[in-house]
Every structure is written in structure tokens, then in C-alpha cells.
């Protein structure tokens, strides 16, 4: 199991240069977890893609259903005190610290491309390339 940030999920589902590495992460570990807030973040990404790239609403709904099926049963609500402690220790947003807190709670890696998270939580977070490389 890994904690996957919402961008990794978006890379997996939408054609982007990072799609191939996201697919390799999924092959390496097909059980992805996330804090419940992933849903709102993912819907914001969908809205942006709908507006910028003209993604039809039916395809956006399909992508949302795929994302739900991938994370289904592995969504978590976190202790606010722990999240705020991580915020106090770093310049990362509370949203980002929810992913860090979840990975630490589950004792699994957080796979993310977020440079701030990678810099401030190197014991918890790995980039997709590092995660795939370390499994080889």
C-alpha cells in the first residue's frame, strides 16, 4: 500500500508526460490510499481540465468513477492535531500535510511529485521515479 497524492492519481487518469511513471507506480503497488480530501482536490482538477481542455462532463464523471474505484475503501479521515503539528514543522499546506500524516499513520510511503513535501518529509515521501527505482 502507498499513499498517493491527488496529482499522481490525475497523472494516471489523464494523458500527461507523467502518465507512464504513474502507471509504473500502480504496477509496483496497486493499493493506493488517500485522505478523504482527495475527492475535493480531484474534482477541482477535473473542473480545470473540463474548462481548459474541453473535457466533456461524461468523461469527467467516468474519470471520477475510476478514481473512486482505485481508492475505494482506502480513504481516511485524519487527526487534526497531527496535521497541524506537521504544518508547524514545515511550509507545506494543511492539505499536503494530510497526505504526510496519513502515510506516517499507515507506515507506508507517500508517493508525490510535490517538491516541498519531498524536501521537508524525506523519510515519508518519495517521488514516483524514486519509488519505482527503489523497487527494481
Protein backbone atom coordinates (compact mmCIF):
# COMPACT_ATOMS: atom_id res chain seq x y z
CA UNK A 1 0.00 0.00 0.00
CA UNK A 2 1.05 3.58 -0.69
CA UNK A 3 -0.48 6.96 -0.01
CA UNK A 4 -0.91 8.59 -3.41
CA UNK A 5 -1.33 12.32 -3.69
CA UNK A 6 -4.10 13.59 -5.91
CA UNK A 7 -1.72 14.67 -8.66
CA UNK A 8 -0.40 11.13 -9.04
CA UNK A 9 -3.99 10.00 -9.46
CA UNK A 10 -4.58 12.69 -12.09
CA UNK A 11 -1.38 11.73 -13.92
CA UNK A 12 -2.62 8.15 -14.05
CA UNK A 13 -6.01 9.03 -15.49
CA UNK A 14 -5.21 11.88 -17.88
CA UNK A 15 -2.73 11.96 -20.70
CA UNK A 16 0.29 13.80 -19.39
CA UNK A 17 4.05 13.33 -19.57
CA UNK A 18 3.84 11.79 -16.08
CA UNK A 19 1.25 9.15 -17.04
CA UNK A 20 3.83 6.45 -17.76
CA UNK A 21 5.53 6.80 -14.38
CA UNK A 22 2.15 6.84 -12.61
CA UNK A 23 1.29 3.56 -14.38
CA UNK A 24 4.60 2.09 -13.21
CA UNK A 25 3.81 3.13 -9.64
CA UNK A 26 0.43 1.38 -9.92
CA UNK A 27 2.09 -1.76 -11.26
CA UNK A 28 4.59 -1.67 -8.39
CA UNK A 29 1.84 -1.23 -5.78
CA UNK A 30 -1.82 -1.36 -6.83
CA UNK A 31 -3.23 -0.47 -3.40
CA UNK A 32 -3.49 3.29 -3.10
CA UNK A 33 -4.78 5.21 -0.08
CA UNK A 34 -5.56 8.90 0.42
CA UNK A 35 -7.16 11.27 2.91
CA UNK A 36 -10.85 11.92 2.22
CA UNK A 37 -9.99 15.39 0.95
CA UNK A 38 -8.66 13.80 -2.27
CA UNK A 39 -12.24 13.91 -3.60
CA UNK A 40 -12.49 17.70 -3.49
CA UNK A 41 -8.99 18.15 -4.84
CA UNK A 42 -9.69 15.72 -7.68
CA UNK A 43 -12.95 17.47 -8.57
CA UNK A 44 -11.01 20.75 -8.77
CA UNK A 45 -8.56 19.12 -11.18
CA UNK A 46 -11.48 17.77 -13.22
CA UNK A 47 -13.06 21.22 -13.35
CA UNK A 48 -9.82 22.74 -14.62
CA UNK A 49 -9.44 20.05 -17.30
CA UNK A 50 -13.06 20.49 -18.34
CA UNK A 51 -12.55 24.22 -18.75
CA UNK A 52 -9.07 24.26 -20.25
CA UNK A 53 -9.12 21.15 -22.42
CA UNK A 54 -12.84 20.86 -23.04
CA UNK A 55 -13.22 17.52 -21.25
CA UNK A 56 -16.89 16.56 -21.56
CA UNK A 57 -18.82 16.13 -18.31
CA UNK A 58 -19.50 12.47 -19.13
CA UNK A 59 -15.75 11.78 -19.38
CA UNK A 60 -15.12 13.72 -16.17
CA UNK A 61 -17.70 11.56 -14.38
CA UNK A 62 -16.06 8.44 -15.80
CA UNK A 63 -12.64 9.59 -14.56
CA UNK A 64 -14.13 10.30 -11.13
CA UNK A 65 -15.64 6.81 -11.02
CA UNK A 66 -12.28 5.27 -11.96
CA UNK A 67 -10.57 7.27 -9.24
CA UNK A 68 -13.17 6.18 -6.70
CA UNK A 69 -12.71 2.54 -7.68
CA UNK A 70 -8.94 2.84 -7.25
CA UNK A 71 -9.17 4.46 -3.82
CA UNK A 72 -12.39 2.79 -2.68
CA UNK A 73 -12.11 1.51 0.85
CA UNK A 74 -8.76 3.25 1.37
CA UNK A 75 -9.91 6.75 2.27
CA UNK A 76 -9.10 8.10 5.70
CA UNK A 77 -10.08 10.94 8.00
CA UNK A 78 -7.14 12.27 9.98
CA UNK A 79 -6.48 13.69 13.40
CA UNK A 80 -6.40 17.46 13.00
CA UNK A 81 -3.83 17.85 15.78
CA UNK A 82 -1.29 15.71 13.92
CA UNK A 83 -1.89 17.59 10.66
CA UNK A 84 -1.39 20.93 12.39
CA UNK A 85 1.79 19.66 14.03
CA UNK A 86 3.16 18.85 10.57
CA UNK A 87 2.08 22.28 9.32
CA UNK A 88 4.02 23.88 12.17
CA UNK A 89 7.12 21.86 11.24
CA UNK A 90 7.09 22.76 7.54
CA UNK A 91 5.98 25.32 4.95
CA UNK A 92 3.60 22.74 3.45
CA UNK A 93 -0.14 23.38 3.24
CA UNK A 94 -2.58 21.66 5.56
CA UNK A 95 -3.85 19.73 2.53
CA UNK A 96 -0.36 18.42 1.82
CA UNK A 97 0.20 17.61 5.48
CA UNK A 98 -2.91 15.42 5.48
CA UNK A 99 -1.20 13.15 2.95
CA UNK A 100 2.01 13.13 5.02
CA UNK A 101 0.11 12.38 8.24
CA UNK A 102 -1.75 9.52 6.59
CA UNK A 103 1.42 7.96 5.22
CA UNK A 104 3.05 8.21 8.64
CA UNK A 105 -0.01 6.77 10.37
CA UNK A 106 -0.20 3.82 7.95
CA UNK A 107 3.60 3.48 7.90
CA UNK A 108 3.69 3.43 4.12
CA UNK A 109 5.36 5.76 1.61
CA UNK A 110 3.68 8.85 0.28
CA UNK A 111 4.29 8.96 -3.46
CA UNK A 112 4.24 12.53 -4.67
CA UNK A 113 5.91 14.93 -7.07
CA UNK A 114 5.43 17.85 -4.68
CA UNK A 115 8.89 19.33 -4.12
CA UNK A 116 8.07 20.90 -0.77
CA UNK A 117 6.79 17.61 0.63
CA UNK A 118 9.79 15.74 -0.75
CA UNK A 119 12.18 18.29 0.73
CA UNK A 120 10.60 18.54 4.17
CA UNK A 121 9.48 14.94 4.68
CA UNK A 122 12.18 12.77 3.04
CA UNK A 123 11.62 9.89 5.46
CA UNK A 124 7.95 9.71 4.46
CA UNK A 125 7.74 10.84 0.85
CA UNK A 126 9.23 9.53 -2.38
CA UNK A 127 8.89 10.81 -5.90
CA UNK A 128 7.26 8.42 -8.37
CA UNK A 129 10.65 7.84 -10.04
CA UNK A 130 12.32 7.09 -6.71
CA UNK A 131 9.51 4.75 -5.71
CA UNK A 132 9.72 2.77 -8.96
CA UNK A 133 13.53 2.78 -8.99
CA UNK A 134 13.76 1.59 -5.38
CA UNK A 135 11.59 -1.39 -6.24
CA UNK A 136 13.81 -2.55 -9.11
